[in-house]
Amino acid sequence: MTSGDEDPRVTELRSAVSGLRRRLAAHPADFADRTIAEEELAALDAMAVAGIPEIPRLRRSLLLIAGAIGSVSALSPGLSEVRRAVDLFGGSVRGEG
């Protein structure tokens, strides 16, 4: 599948995941759950590369990532982008806001 044939939701997810992975890699402070965040971001990327991912698995990864980096305010914008991209696959879990 060429990038022109890729589902726009998958493209958005891959872009958001890539952005958060870059921010996380550049973040100087170490924190307890950093490895969990890195592993789940890698899992999200792998799901996106494989095609249209399973919504429950997307949501699980998002929750794990949010739990792992939720207290790191510098990563909040990237986390919000990933959440918006995941929401494209089935709407928001708790609604908007």
PDB file of N, CA and C in Angstrom:
ATOM      1  N   MET A   1       0.842  -1.168   0.000  1.00  0.00           N
ATOM      2  CA  MET A   1       0.000   0.000   0.000  1.00  0.00           C
ATOM      3  C   MET A   1       0.892   1.237   0.000  1.00  0.00           C
ATOM      4  N   THR A   2       0.682   2.099  -0.926  1.00  0.00           N
ATOM      5  CA  THR A   2       1.457   3.328  -0.982  1.00  0.00           C
ATOM      6  C   THR A   2       0.856   4.348  -0.046  1.00  0.00           C
ATOM      7  N   SER A   3       1.612   5.378   0.276  1.00  0.00           N
ATOM      8  CA  SER A   3       1.116   6.381   1.212  1.00  0.00           C
ATOM      9  C   SER A   3      -0.135   7.068   0.683  1.00  0.00           C
ATOM     10  N   GLY A   4      -0.296   7.148  -0.636  1.00  0.00           N
ATOM     11  CA  GLY A   4      -1.487   7.735  -1.218  1.00  0.00           C
ATOM     12  C   GLY A   4      -2.724   6.871  -1.009  1.00  0.00           C
ATOM     13  N   ASP A   5      -2.534   5.564  -0.821  1.00  0.00           N
ATOM     14  CA  ASP A   5      -3.634   4.634  -0.604  1.00  0.00           C
ATOM     15  C   ASP A   5      -3.934   4.428   0.874  1.00  0.00           C
ATOM     16  N   GLU A   6      -3.118   4.973   1.745  1.00  0.00           N
ATOM     17  CA  GLU A   6      -3.263   4.765   3.179  1.00  0.00           C
ATOM     18  C   GLU A   6      -4.489   5.499   3.717  1.00  0.00           C
ATOM     19  N   ASP A   7      -5.197   4.853   4.605  1.00  0.00           N
ATOM     20  CA  ASP A   7      -6.349   5.455   5.272  1.00  0.00           C
ATOM     21  C   ASP A   7      -5.870   6.727   5.983  1.00  0.00           C
ATOM     22  N   PRO A   8      -6.556   7.848   5.809  1.00  0.00           N
ATOM     23  CA  PRO A   8      -6.119   9.107   6.433  1.00  0.00           C
ATOM     24  C   PRO A   8      -6.043   9.025   7.958  1.00  0.00           C
ATOM     25  N   ARG A   9      -6.878   8.171   8.551  1.00  0.00           N
ATOM     26  CA  ARG A   9      -6.808   7.998  10.013  1.00  0.00           C
ATOM     27  C   ARG A   9      -5.495   7.341  10.408  1.00  0.00           C
ATOM     28  N   VAL A  10      -5.065   6.379   9.614  1.00  0.00           N
ATOM     29  CA  VAL A  10      -3.792   5.698   9.881  1.00  0.00           C
ATOM     30  C   VAL A  10      -2.638   6.686   9.713  1.00  0.00           C
ATOM     31  N   THR A  11      -2.715   7.497   8.677  1.00  0.00           N
ATOM     32  CA  THR A  11      -1.678   8.514   8.450  1.00  0.00           C
ATOM     33  C   THR A  11      -1.593   9.460   9.636  1.00  0.00           C
ATOM     34  N   GLU A  12      -2.738   9.907  10.118  1.00  0.00           N
ATOM     35  CA  GLU A  12      -2.778  10.811  11.273  1.00  0.00           C
ATOM     36  C   GLU A  12      -2.230  10.140  12.522  1.00  0.00           C
ATOM     37  N   LEU A  13      -2.581   8.884  12.741  1.00  0.00           N
ATOM     38  CA  LEU A  13      -2.079   8.150  13.895  1.00  0.00           C
ATOM     39  C   LEU A  13      -0.566   8.010  13.826  1.00  0.00           C
ATOM     40  N   ARG A  14      -0.067   7.638  12.671  1.00  0.00           N
ATOM     41  CA  ARG A  14       1.385   7.475  12.526  1.00  0.00           C
ATOM     42  C   ARG A  14       2.117   8.795  12.770  1.00  0.00           C
ATOM     43  N   SER A  15       1.560   9.882  12.275  1.00  0.00           N
ATOM     44  CA  SER A  15       2.162  11.194  12.472  1.00  0.00           C
ATOM     45  C   SER A  15       2.160  11.590  13.951  1.00  0.00           C
ATOM     46  N   ALA A  16       1.035  11.383  14.625  1.00  0.00           N
ATOM     47  CA  ALA A  16       0.937  11.735  16.046  1.00  0.00           C
ATOM     48  C   ALA A  16       1.873  10.883  16.894  1.00  0.00           C
ATOM     49  N   VAL A  17       1.925   9.596  16.610  1.00  0.00           N
ATOM     50  CA  VAL A  17       2.808   8.692  17.354  1.00  0.00           C
ATOM     51  C   VAL A  17       4.262   9.089  17.133  1.00  0.00           C
ATOM     52  N   SER A  18       4.614   9.375  15.893  1.00  0.00           N
ATOM     53  CA  SER A  18       5.979   9.785  15.580  1.00  0.00           C
ATOM     54  C   SER A  18       6.364  11.063  16.332  1.00  0.00           C
ATOM     55  N   GLY A  19       5.441  12.010  16.361  1.00  0.00           N
ATOM     56  CA  GLY A  19       5.709  13.263  17.067  1.00  0.00           C
ATOM     57  C   GLY A  19       5.920  13.049  18.552  1.00  0.00           C
ATOM     58  N   LEU A  20       5.075  12.235  19.175  1.00  0.00           N
ATOM     59  CA  LEU A  20       5.229  11.981  20.610  1.00  0.00           C
ATOM     60  C   LEU A  20       6.490  11.173  20.886  1.00  0.00           C
ATOM     61  N   ARG A  21       6.820  10.246  20.016  1.00  0.00           N
ATOM     62  CA  ARG A  21       8.074   9.492  20.203  1.00  0.00           C
ATOM     63  C   ARG A  21       9.288  10.416  20.153  1.00  0.00           C
ATOM     64  N   ARG A  22       9.265  11.388  19.234  1.00  0.00           N
ATOM     65  CA  ARG A  22      10.373  12.352  19.155  1.00  0.00           C
ATOM     66  C   ARG A  22      10.452  13.204  20.419  1.00  0.00           C
ATOM     67  N   ARG A  23       9.299  13.679  20.883  1.00  0.00           N
ATOM     68  CA  ARG A  23       9.271  14.497  22.111  1.00  0.00           C
ATOM     69  C   ARG A  23       9.769  13.695  23.308  1.00  0.00           C
ATOM     70  N   LEU A  24       9.340  12.452  23.388  1.00  0.00           N
ATOM     71  CA  LEU A  24       9.758  11.595  24.490  1.00  0.00           C
ATOM     72  C   LEU A  24      11.258  11.334  24.437  1.00  0.00           C
ATOM     73  N   ALA A  25      11.783  11.079  23.250  1.00  0.00           N
ATOM     74  CA  ALA A  25      13.222  10.837  23.100  1.00  0.00           C
ATOM     75  C   ALA A  25      14.041  12.077  23.480  1.00  0.00           C
ATOM     76  N   ALA A  26      13.498  13.248  23.194  1.00  0.00           N
ATOM     77  CA  ALA A  26      14.218  14.493  23.489  1.00  0.00           C
ATOM     78  C   ALA A  26      14.043  14.953  24.929  1.00  0.00           C
ATOM     79  N   HIS A  27      13.079  14.375  25.634  1.00  0.00           N
ATOM     80  CA  HIS A  27      12.819  14.802  27.011  1.00  0.00           C
ATOM     81  C   HIS A  27      13.973  14.357  27.908  1.00  0.00           C
ATOM     82  N   PRO A  28      14.617  15.309  28.587  1.00  0.00           N
ATOM     83  CA  PRO A  28      15.832  14.986  29.330  1.00  0.00           C
ATOM     84  C   PRO A  28      15.610  14.192  30.618  1.00  0.00           C
ATOM     85  N   ALA A  29      14.489  14.379  31.246  1.00  0.00           N
ATOM     86  CA  ALA A  29      14.268  13.720  32.537  1.00  0.00           C
ATOM     87  C   ALA A  29      13.846  12.265  32.353  1.00  0.00           C
ATOM     88  N   ASP A  30      14.342  11.445  33.254  1.00  0.00           N
ATOM     89  CA  ASP A  30      13.920  10.059  33.259  1.00  0.00           C
ATOM     90  C   ASP A  30      12.761   9.950  34.241  1.00  0.00           C
ATOM     91  N   PHE A  31      11.813   9.082  33.973  1.00  0.00           N
ATOM     92  CA  PHE A  31      10.713   8.863  34.892  1.00  0.00           C
ATOM     93  C   PHE A  31      10.375   7.380  34.894  1.00  0.00           C
ATOM     94  N   ALA A  32       9.725   6.944  35.935  1.00  0.00           N
ATOM     95  CA  ALA A  32       9.549   5.516  36.204  1.00  0.00           C
ATOM     96  C   ALA A  32       8.927   4.728  35.061  1.00  0.00           C
ATOM     97  N   ASP A  33       7.932   5.280  34.397  1.00  0.00           N
ATOM     98  CA  ASP A  33       7.195   4.525  33.388  1.00  0.00           C
ATOM     99  C   ASP A  33       7.572   4.881  31.949  1.00  0.00           C
ATOM    100  N   ARG A  34       8.717   5.466  31.769  1.00  0.00           N
ATOM    101  CA  ARG A  34       9.156   5.868  30.428  1.00  0.00           C
ATOM    102  C   ARG A  34       9.201   4.675  29.469  1.00  0.00           C
ATOM    103  N   THR A  35       9.697   3.550  29.940  1.00  0.00           N
ATOM    104  CA  THR A  35       9.796   2.356  29.102  1.00  0.00           C
ATOM    105  C   THR A  35       8.422   1.884  28.647  1.00  0.00           C
ATOM    106  N   ILE A  36       7.439   1.972  29.536  1.00  0.00           N
ATOM    107  CA  ILE A  36       6.076   1.575  29.169  1.00  0.00           C
ATOM    108  C   ILE A  36       5.569   2.468  28.037  1.00  0.00           C
ATOM    109  N   ALA A  37       5.782   3.773  28.177  1.00  0.00           N
ATOM    110  CA  ALA A  37       5.350   4.713  27.143  1.00  0.00           C
ATOM    111  C   ALA A  37       6.032   4.404  25.817  1.00  0.00           C
ATOM    112  N   GLU A  38       7.334   4.165  25.847  1.00  0.00           N
ATOM    113  CA  GLU A  38       8.078   3.864  24.626  1.00  0.00           C
ATOM    114  C   GLU A  38       7.576   2.579  23.969  1.00  0.00           C
ATOM    115  N   GLU A  39       7.319   1.548  24.782  1.00  0.00           N
ATOM    116  CA  GLU A  39       6.850   0.277  24.237  1.00  0.00           C
ATOM    117  C   GLU A  39       5.457   0.405  23.626  1.00  0.00           C
ATOM    118  N   GLU A  40       4.580   1.134  24.288  1.00  0.00           N
ATOM    119  CA  GLU A  40       3.221   1.286  23.765  1.00  0.00           C
ATOM    120  C   GLU A  40       3.190   2.174  22.526  1.00  0.00           C
ATOM    121  N   LEU A  41       4.043   3.175  22.468  1.00  0.00           N
ATOM    122  CA  LEU A  41       4.135   3.987  21.251  1.00  0.00           C
ATOM    123  C   LEU A  41       4.630   3.131  20.090  1.00  0.00           C
ATOM    124  N   ALA A  42       5.586   2.256  20.365  1.00  0.00           N
ATOM    125  CA  ALA A  42       6.070   1.343  19.324  1.00  0.00           C
ATOM    126  C   ALA A  42       4.943   0.400  18.883  1.00  0.00           C
ATOM    127  N   ALA A  43       4.131  -0.050  19.837  1.00  0.00           N
ATOM    128  CA  ALA A  43       3.009  -0.931  19.501  1.00  0.00           C
ATOM    129  C   ALA A  43       1.976  -0.200  18.642  1.00  0.00           C
ATOM    130  N   LEU A  44       1.675   1.061  18.989  1.00  0.00           N
ATOM    131  CA  LEU A  44       0.746   1.846  18.180  1.00  0.00           C
ATOM    132  C   LEU A  44       1.266   2.022  16.764  1.00  0.00           C
ATOM    133  N   ASP A  45       2.551   2.307  16.649  1.00  0.00           N
ATOM    134  CA  ASP A  45       3.141   2.479  15.331  1.00  0.00           C
ATOM    135  C   ASP A  45       3.047   1.186  14.527  1.00  0.00           C
ATOM    136  N   ALA A  46       3.337   0.062  15.161  1.00  0.00           N
ATOM    137  CA  ALA A  46       3.262  -1.227  14.471  1.00  0.00           C
ATOM    138  C   ALA A  46       1.839  -1.527  14.013  1.00  0.00           C
ATOM    139  N   MET A  47       0.853  -1.200  14.854  1.00  0.00           N
ATOM    140  CA  MET A  47      -0.542  -1.418  14.461  1.00  0.00           C
ATOM    141  C   MET A  47      -0.907  -0.548  13.260  1.00  0.00           C
ATOM    142  N   ALA A  48      -0.441   0.689  13.271  1.00  0.00           N
ATOM    143  CA  ALA A  48      -0.744   1.608  12.174  1.00  0.00           C
ATOM    144  C   ALA A  48      -0.082   1.140  10.879  1.00  0.00           C
ATOM    145  N   VAL A  49       1.142   0.668  10.967  1.00  0.00           N
ATOM    146  CA  VAL A  49       1.849   0.185   9.782  1.00  0.00           C
ATOM    147  C   VAL A  49       1.132  -1.025   9.190  1.00  0.00           C
ATOM    148  N   ALA A  50       0.549  -1.854  10.049  1.00  0.00           N
ATOM    149  CA  ALA A  50      -0.131  -3.068   9.596  1.00  0.00           C
ATOM    150  C   ALA A  50      -1.472  -2.786   8.921  1.00  0.00           C
ATOM    151  N   GLY A  51      -1.970  -1.576   9.070  1.00  0.00           N
ATOM    152  CA  GLY A  51      -3.264  -1.247   8.465  1.00  0.00           C
ATOM    153  C   GLY A  51      -4.189  -0.662   9.507  1.00  0.00           C
ATOM    154  N   ILE A  52      -5.471  -0.907   9.344  1.00  0.00           N
ATOM    155  CA  ILE A  52      -6.446  -0.351  10.282  1.00  0.00           C
ATOM    156  C   ILE A  52      -6.408  -1.168  11.572  1.00  0.00           C
ATOM    157  N   PRO A  53      -6.013  -0.515  12.666  1.00  0.00           N
ATOM    158  CA  PRO A  53      -5.854  -1.231  13.938  1.00  0.00           C
ATOM    159  C   PRO A  53      -7.187  -1.513  14.630  1.00  0.00           C
ATOM    160  N   GLU A  54      -7.135  -2.431  15.585  1.00  0.00           N
ATOM    161  CA  GLU A  54      -8.304  -2.765  16.394  1.00  0.00           C
ATOM    162  C   GLU A  54      -8.521  -1.668  17.421  1.00  0.00           C
ATOM    163  N   ILE A  55      -9.731  -1.154  17.494  1.00  0.00           N
ATOM    164  CA  ILE A  55     -10.035  -0.038  18.381  1.00  0.00           C
ATOM    165  C   ILE A  55      -9.768  -0.363  19.850  1.00  0.00           C
ATOM    166  N   PRO A  56     -10.166  -1.525  20.371  1.00  0.00           N
ATOM    167  CA  PRO A  56      -9.876  -1.804  21.786  1.00  0.00           C
ATOM    168  C   PRO A  56      -8.378  -1.791  22.090  1.00  0.00           C
ATOM    169  N   ARG A  57      -7.585  -2.295  21.168  1.00  0.00           N
ATOM    170  CA  ARG A  57      -6.126  -2.306  21.376  1.00  0.00           C
ATOM    171  C   ARG A  57      -5.566  -0.891  21.320  1.00  0.00           C
ATOM    172  N   LEU A  58      -6.089  -0.062  20.406  1.00  0.00           N
ATOM    173  CA  LEU A  58      -5.670   1.342  20.354  1.00  0.00           C
ATOM    174  C   LEU A  58      -5.950   2.035  21.673  1.00  0.00           C
ATOM    175  N   ARG A  59      -7.152   1.844  22.170  1.00  0.00           N
ATOM    176  CA  ARG A  59      -7.555   2.496  23.417  1.00  0.00           C
ATOM    177  C   ARG A  59      -6.711   2.019  24.597  1.00  0.00           C
ATOM    178  N   ARG A  60      -6.421   0.729  24.628  1.00  0.00           N
ATOM    179  CA  ARG A  60      -5.591   0.185  25.717  1.00  0.00           C
ATOM    180  C   ARG A  60      -4.204   0.829  25.687  1.00  0.00           C
ATOM    181  N   SER A  61      -3.621   0.897  24.511  1.00  0.00           N
ATOM    182  CA  SER A  61      -2.296   1.518  24.392  1.00  0.00           C
ATOM    183  C   SER A  61      -2.345   2.982  24.799  1.00  0.00           C
ATOM    184  N   LEU A  62      -3.389   3.692  24.376  1.00  0.00           N
ATOM    185  CA  LEU A  62      -3.532   5.097  24.733  1.00  0.00           C
ATOM    186  C   LEU A  62      -3.610   5.262  26.246  1.00  0.00           C
ATOM    187  N   LEU A  63      -4.386   4.420  26.910  1.00  0.00           N
ATOM    188  CA  LEU A  63      -4.498   4.509  28.368  1.00  0.00           C
ATOM    189  C   LEU A  63      -3.161   4.231  29.054  1.00  0.00           C
ATOM    190  N   LEU A  64      -2.436   3.248  28.555  1.00  0.00           N
ATOM    191  CA  LEU A  64      -1.128   2.950  29.141  1.00  0.00           C
ATOM    192  C   LEU A  64      -0.154   4.099  28.939  1.00  0.00           C
ATOM    193  N   ILE A  65      -0.172   4.691  27.762  1.00  0.00           N
ATOM    194  CA  ILE A  65       0.713   5.823  27.484  1.00  0.00           C
ATOM    195  C   ILE A  65       0.337   7.006  28.372  1.00  0.00           C
ATOM    196  N   ALA A  66      -0.959   7.289  28.459  1.00  0.00           N
ATOM    197  CA  ALA A  66      -1.413   8.409  29.294  1.00  0.00           C
ATOM    198  C   ALA A  66      -1.028   8.188  30.746  1.00  0.00           C
ATOM    199  N   GLY A  67      -1.184   6.978  31.233  1.00  0.00           N
ATOM    200  CA  GLY A  67      -0.790   6.675  32.607  1.00  0.00           C
ATOM    201  C   GLY A  67       0.706   6.797  32.823  1.00  0.00           C
ATOM    202  N   ALA A  68       1.467   6.440  31.803  1.00  0.00           N
ATOM    203  CA  ALA A  68       2.922   6.465  31.926  1.00  0.00           C
ATOM    204  C   ALA A  68       3.501   7.875  31.867  1.00  0.00           C
ATOM    205  N   ILE A  69       2.912   8.754  31.038  1.00  0.00           N
ATOM    206  CA  ILE A  69       3.505  10.087  30.873  1.00  0.00           C
ATOM    207  C   ILE A  69       2.580  11.222  31.274  1.00  0.00           C
ATOM    208  N   GLY A  70       1.425  10.875  31.820  1.00  0.00           N
ATOM    209  CA  GLY A  70       0.421  11.875  32.141  1.00  0.00           C
ATOM    210  C   GLY A  70       0.896  13.001  33.033  1.00  0.00           C
ATOM    211  N   SER A  71       1.853  12.747  33.907  1.00  0.00           N
ATOM    212  CA  SER A  71       2.318  13.787  34.824  1.00  0.00           C
ATOM    213  C   SER A  71       3.469  14.613  34.247  1.00  0.00           C
ATOM    214  N   VAL A  72       3.912  14.290  33.052  1.00  0.00           N
ATOM    215  CA  VAL A  72       5.010  15.023  32.421  1.00  0.00           C
ATOM    216  C   VAL A  72       4.390  16.077  31.500  1.00  0.00           C
ATOM    217  N   SER A  73       4.245  17.291  32.024  1.00  0.00           N
ATOM    218  CA  SER A  73       3.506  18.331  31.305  1.00  0.00           C
ATOM    219  C   SER A  73       4.119  18.677  29.944  1.00  0.00           C
ATOM    220  N   ALA A  74       5.408  18.533  29.798  1.00  0.00           N
ATOM    221  CA  ALA A  74       6.057  18.847  28.520  1.00  0.00           C
ATOM    222  C   ALA A  74       5.604  17.909  27.405  1.00  0.00           C
ATOM    223  N   LEU A  75       5.083  16.754  27.764  1.00  0.00           N
ATOM    224  CA  LEU A  75       4.649  15.774  26.772  1.00  0.00           C
ATOM    225  C   LEU A  75       3.143  15.821  26.512  1.00  0.00           C
ATOM    226  N   SER A  76       2.431  16.663  27.248  1.00  0.00           N
ATOM    227  CA  SER A  76       0.967  16.751  27.116  1.00  0.00           C
ATOM    228  C   SER A  76       0.482  17.076  25.707  1.00  0.00           C
ATOM    229  N   PRO A  77       1.113  18.037  25.010  1.00  0.00           N
ATOM    230  CA  PRO A  77       0.631  18.320  23.650  1.00  0.00           C
ATOM    231  C   PRO A  77       0.735  17.103  22.720  1.00  0.00           C
ATOM    232  N   GLY A  78       1.813  16.372  22.810  1.00  0.00           N
ATOM    233  CA  GLY A  78       1.984  15.177  21.981  1.00  0.00           C
ATOM    234  C   GLY A  78       0.994  14.092  22.345  1.00  0.00           C
ATOM    235  N   LEU A  79       0.733  13.944  23.635  1.00  0.00           N
ATOM    236  CA  LEU A  79      -0.247  12.972  24.091  1.00  0.00           C
ATOM    237  C   LEU A  79      -1.642  13.335  23.585  1.00  0.00           C
ATOM    238  N   SER A  80      -1.964  14.621  23.595  1.00  0.00           N
ATOM    239  CA  SER A  80      -3.263  15.078  23.077  1.00  0.00           C
ATOM    240  C   SER A  80      -3.400  14.765  21.589  1.00  0.00           C
ATOM    241  N   GLU A  81      -2.327  14.919  20.837  1.00  0.00           N
ATOM    242  CA  GLU A  81      -2.352  14.607  19.405  1.00  0.00           C
ATOM    243  C   GLU A  81      -2.608  13.119  19.180  1.00  0.00           C
ATOM    244  N   VAL A  82      -1.970  12.281  19.981  1.00  0.00           N
ATOM    245  CA  VAL A  82      -2.179  10.838  19.852  1.00  0.00           C
ATOM    246  C   VAL A  82      -3.625  10.495  20.206  1.00  0.00           C
ATOM    247  N   ARG A  83      -4.147  11.111  21.263  1.00  0.00           N
ATOM    248  CA  ARG A  83      -5.535  10.845  21.647  1.00  0.00           C
ATOM    249  C   ARG A  83      -6.490  11.235  20.524  1.00  0.00           C
ATOM    250  N   ARG A  84      -6.287  12.405  19.934  1.00  0.00           N
ATOM    251  CA  ARG A  84      -7.151  12.824  18.827  1.00  0.00           C
ATOM    252  C   ARG A  84      -7.071  11.834  17.663  1.00  0.00           C
ATOM    253  N   ALA A  85      -5.870  11.343  17.383  1.00  0.00           N
ATOM    254  CA  ALA A  85      -5.701  10.389  16.285  1.00  0.00           C
ATOM    255  C   ALA A  85      -6.402   9.068  16.596  1.00  0.00           C
ATOM    256  N   VAL A  86      -6.306   8.606  17.823  1.00  0.00           N
ATOM    257  CA  VAL A  86      -7.002   7.378  18.214  1.00  0.00           C
ATOM    258  C   VAL A  86      -8.504   7.580  18.124  1.00  0.00           C
ATOM    259  N   ASP A  87      -8.984   8.743  18.541  1.00  0.00           N
ATOM    260  CA  ASP A  87     -10.418   9.040  18.493  1.00  0.00           C
ATOM    261  C   ASP A  87     -10.976   8.991  17.072  1.00  0.00           C
ATOM    262  N   LEU A  88     -10.141   9.211  16.063  1.00  0.00           N
ATOM    263  CA  LEU A  88     -10.592   9.143  14.675  1.00  0.00           C
ATOM    264  C   LEU A  88     -11.114   7.742  14.312  1.00  0.00           C
ATOM    265  N   PHE A  89     -10.676   6.741  15.054  1.00  0.00           N
ATOM    266  CA  PHE A  89     -11.062   5.364  14.758  1.00  0.00           C
ATOM    267  C   PHE A  89     -12.384   4.957  15.402  1.00  0.00           C
ATOM    268  N   GLY A  90     -12.947   5.804  16.252  1.00  0.00           N
ATOM    269  CA  GLY A  90     -14.205   5.395  16.850  1.00  0.00           C
ATOM    270  C   GLY A  90     -14.806   6.415  17.772  1.00  0.00           C
ATOM    271  N   GLY A  91     -14.396   7.625  17.664  1.00  0.00           N
ATOM    272  CA  GLY A  91     -14.953   8.679  18.508  1.00  0.00           C
ATOM    273  C   GLY A  91     -14.332   8.668  19.883  1.00  0.00           C
ATOM    274  N   SER A  92     -14.595   9.706  20.595  1.00  0.00           N
ATOM    275  CA  SER A  92     -14.037   9.886  21.932  1.00  0.00           C
ATOM    276  C   SER A  92     -14.713   8.957  22.925  1.00  0.00           C
ATOM    277  N   VAL A  93     -13.939   8.455  23.863  1.00  0.00           N
ATOM    278  CA  VAL A  93     -14.468   7.564  24.888  1.00  0.00           C
ATOM    279  C   VAL A  93     -15.360   8.343  25.853  1.00  0.00           C
ATOM    280  N   ARG A  94     -14.906   9.517  26.300  1.00  0.00           N
ATOM    281  CA  ARG A  94     -15.625  10.306  27.289  1.00  0.00           C
ATOM    282  C   ARG A  94     -16.242  11.550  26.693  1.00  0.00           C
ATOM    283  N   GLY A  95     -16.295  11.656  25.413  1.00  0.00           N
ATOM    284  CA  GLY A  95     -16.820  12.855  24.781  1.00  0.00           C
ATOM    285  C   GLY A  95     -15.748  13.895  24.618  1.00  0.00           C
ATOM    286  N   GLU A  96     -16.095  15.017  24.119  1.00  0.00           N
ATOM    287  CA  GLU A  96     -15.132  16.086  23.880  1.00  0.00           C
ATOM    288  C   GLU A  96     -14.972  16.928  25.138  1.00  0.00           C
ATOM    289  N   GLY A  97     -13.707  17.124  25.529  1.00  0.00           N
ATOM    290  CA  GLY A  97     -13.442  18.017  26.640  1.00  0.00           C
ATOM    291  C   GLY A  97     -13.274  17.365  27.875  1.00  0.00           C
TER     292      GLY A  97
END
